[in-house]
Structure formats: C-alpha cells, structure tokens
C-alpha atoms as a PDB file:
ATOM      1  CA  MET A   1      -7.761  33.191  -3.479  1.00  0.00           C
ATOM      2  CA  GLY A   2     -10.747  30.849  -3.014  1.00  0.00           C
ATOM      3  CA  ASP A   3     -12.310  29.700   0.214  1.00  0.00           C
ATOM      4  CA  GLN A   4     -10.596  27.034   2.281  1.00  0.00           C
ATOM      5  CA  VAL A   5     -11.736  23.517   1.487  1.00  0.00           C
ATOM      6  CA  SER A   6     -13.442  21.667   4.369  1.00  0.00           C
ATOM      7  CA  VAL A   7     -11.792  18.852   6.294  1.00  0.00           C
ATOM      8  CA  GLN A   8     -14.670  16.580   5.232  1.00  0.00           C
ATOM      9  CA  GLU A   9     -14.043  17.265   1.526  1.00  0.00           C
ATOM     10  CA  VAL A  10     -10.335  16.533   1.946  1.00  0.00           C
ATOM     11  CA  SER A  11     -10.947  13.312   3.896  1.00  0.00           C
ATOM     12  CA  ASP A  12     -13.446  12.154   1.244  1.00  0.00           C
ATOM     13  CA  ALA A  13     -10.866  12.807  -1.487  1.00  0.00           C
ATOM     14  CA  MET A  14      -8.186  10.942   0.503  1.00  0.00           C
ATOM     15  CA  TYR A  15     -10.494   7.981   1.083  1.00  0.00           C
ATOM     16  CA  LYS A  16     -11.260   7.795  -2.645  1.00  0.00           C
ATOM     17  CA  MET A  17      -7.530   7.878  -3.504  1.00  0.00           C
ATOM     18  CA  ILE A  18      -6.770   5.098  -1.012  1.00  0.00           C
ATOM     19  CA  LYS A  19      -9.726   2.979  -2.151  1.00  0.00           C
ATOM     20  CA  ASP A  20      -8.992   3.422  -5.881  1.00  0.00           C
ATOM     21  CA  SER A  21      -5.346   2.371  -5.496  1.00  0.00           C
ATOM     22  CA  MET A  22      -5.954  -0.485  -3.051  1.00  0.00           C
ATOM     23  CA  GLY A  23      -3.631  -3.411  -3.799  1.00  0.00           C
ATOM     24  CA  GLN A  24      -1.423  -1.331  -6.112  1.00  0.00           C
ATOM     25  CA  LYS A  25      -0.103   1.476  -3.925  1.00  0.00           C
ATOM     26  CA  LYS A  26       0.254   2.050  -0.208  1.00  0.00           C
ATOM     27  CA  TRP A  27      -0.110   5.622   0.966  1.00  0.00           C
ATOM     28  CA  LYS A  28       2.083   7.294   3.551  1.00  0.00           C
ATOM     29  CA  ALA A  29       0.618  10.242   5.443  1.00  0.00           C
ATOM     30  CA  THR A  30       3.088  12.628   3.762  1.00  0.00           C
ATOM     31  CA  ASP A  31       2.191  11.304   0.293  1.00  0.00           C
ATOM     32  CA  LEU A  32      -1.520  11.813   0.972  1.00  0.00           C
ATOM     33  CA  THR A  33      -0.856  15.332   2.242  1.00  0.00           C
ATOM     34  CA  LYS A  34       1.142  16.207  -0.892  1.00  0.00           C
ATOM     35  CA  ALA A  35      -1.507  14.705  -3.181  1.00  0.00           C
ATOM     36  CA  VAL A  36      -4.399  16.694  -1.700  1.00  0.00           C
ATOM     37  CA  THR A  37      -2.434  19.951  -1.510  1.00  0.00           C
ATOM     38  CA  GLU A  38      -1.710  19.529  -5.238  1.00  0.00           C
ATOM     39  CA  MET A  39      -5.341  18.602  -5.923  1.00  0.00           C
ATOM     40  CA  PHE A  40      -6.901  21.519  -4.037  1.00  0.00           C
ATOM     41  CA  GLY A  41      -4.043  24.000  -4.455  1.00  0.00           C
ATOM     42  CA  GLU A  42      -4.053  27.012  -2.146  1.00  0.00           C
ATOM     43  CA  ARG A  43      -7.440  26.019  -0.730  1.00  0.00           C
ATOM     44  CA  CYS A  44      -5.874  23.168   1.294  1.00  0.00           C
ATOM     45  CA  ASP A  45      -2.989  23.524   3.738  1.00  0.00           C
ATOM     46  CA  LYS A  46      -1.036  20.918   5.717  1.00  0.00           C
ATOM     47  CA  ASN A  47      -3.135  21.402   8.862  1.00  0.00           C
ATOM     48  CA  THR A  48      -6.348  20.680   6.958  1.00  0.00           C
ATOM     49  CA  ALA A  49      -4.754  17.556   5.469  1.00  0.00           C
ATOM     50  CA  LYS A  50      -3.587  16.402   8.919  1.00  0.00           C
ATOM     51  CA  SER A  51      -7.073  16.916  10.317  1.00  0.00           C
ATOM     52  CA  ALA A  52      -8.544  14.921   7.421  1.00  0.00           C
ATOM     53  CA  ILE A  53      -6.169  12.013   8.094  1.00  0.00           C
ATOM     54  CA  ARG A  54      -7.056  12.139  11.783  1.00  0.00           C
ATOM     55  CA  GLU A  55     -10.754  12.028  10.880  1.00  0.00           C
ATOM     56  CA  LEU A  56     -10.245   8.976   8.622  1.00  0.00           C
ATOM     57  CA  ILE A  57      -8.369   7.090  11.362  1.00  0.00           C
ATOM     58  CA  GLU A  58     -10.704   8.052  14.220  1.00  0.00           C
ATOM     59  CA  SER A  59     -13.827   7.194  12.235  1.00  0.00           C
ATOM     60  CA  GLY A  60     -12.459   3.721  11.459  1.00  0.00           C
ATOM     61  CA  LYS A  61     -12.596   4.234   7.675  1.00  0.00           C
ATOM     62  CA  CYS A  62      -8.821   3.806   7.519  1.00  0.00           C
ATOM     63  CA  VAL A  63      -6.100   2.308   9.709  1.00  0.00           C
ATOM     64  CA  TYR A  64      -2.356   2.673  10.065  1.00  0.00           C
ATOM     65  CA  THR A  65      -0.378  -0.404   9.036  1.00  0.00           C
ATOM     66  CA  TYR A  66       3.273  -0.980   9.873  1.00  0.00           C
ATOM     67  CA  PHE A  67       4.970  -3.286   7.353  1.00  0.00           C
ATOM     68  CA  GLY A  68       8.262  -1.829   6.191  1.00  0.00           C
ATOM     69  CA  GLY A  69       6.999   1.651   6.998  1.00  0.00           C
ATOM     70  CA  SER A  70       3.897   3.415   8.255  1.00  0.00           C
ATOM     71  CA  PHE A  71       1.025   3.392   5.771  1.00  0.00           C
ATOM     72  CA  ILE A  72      -2.643   4.373   5.753  1.00  0.00           C
ATOM     73  CA  GLU A  73      -4.984   1.717   4.371  1.00  0.00           C
ATOM     74  CA  ILE A  74      -8.618   0.669   4.387  1.00  0.00           C
ATOM     75  CA  PRO A  75      -9.072  -2.052   7.022  1.00  0.00           C
ATOM     76  CA  HIS A  76      -8.927  -5.564   5.586  1.00  0.00           C
ATOM     77  CA  LYS A  77     -11.854  -7.931   6.086  1.00  0.00           C
ATOM     78  CA  GLU A  78     -11.012 -11.177   7.830  1.00  0.00           C
ATOM     79  CA  GLY A  79     -11.708 -14.411   5.915  1.00  0.00           C
ATOM     80  CA  ALA A  80     -14.582 -15.522   8.166  1.00  0.00           C
ATOM     81  CA  GLU A  81     -16.087 -12.049   8.424  1.00  0.00           C
ATOM     82  CA  ASN A  82     -19.031 -11.267   6.138  1.00  0.00           C
END
C-alpha cells in the first residue's frame, strides 16, 4: 500500500475536474469524492476527500450552488467585474 495522498493534491485534482467540465457537468460533493477515490485508489479515503472539498470552499476557489440540488462550482464572474 502506498503513502496517503495529501489533501492539497486531492483538492488540486478536484479543482481541475471542476474547471475542465465547467458548463457541461455540475459536480455534487459525493460525485467528487467518488471520482478522486477512484483516481487515487487506496491512497485517498473519504475523510481526505471531505477535507479537500472544505479547503476548496474555504479558500474561495469554489462555491456551493443550490439550483435543483447542491453543487460545487467555480464562482462565476459578474458581467461588470473585470
């Protein structure tokens, strides 16, 4: 069994998944958790994935949106904001 993957590595991978699928797919927290546990295998557990999601939200890189469910997305820029 390999070493545990760091929370930072998992949050970076999650951010990349969210950014790459922006506009095509909305990610639920459970879907992100499943995706990274499949990606990293035994090196990533649910607690690490939860901590990575928490880090993304607290850092402001991602936000929760509530339209027909609870999703994690990259914050949208307002029209007047540059």
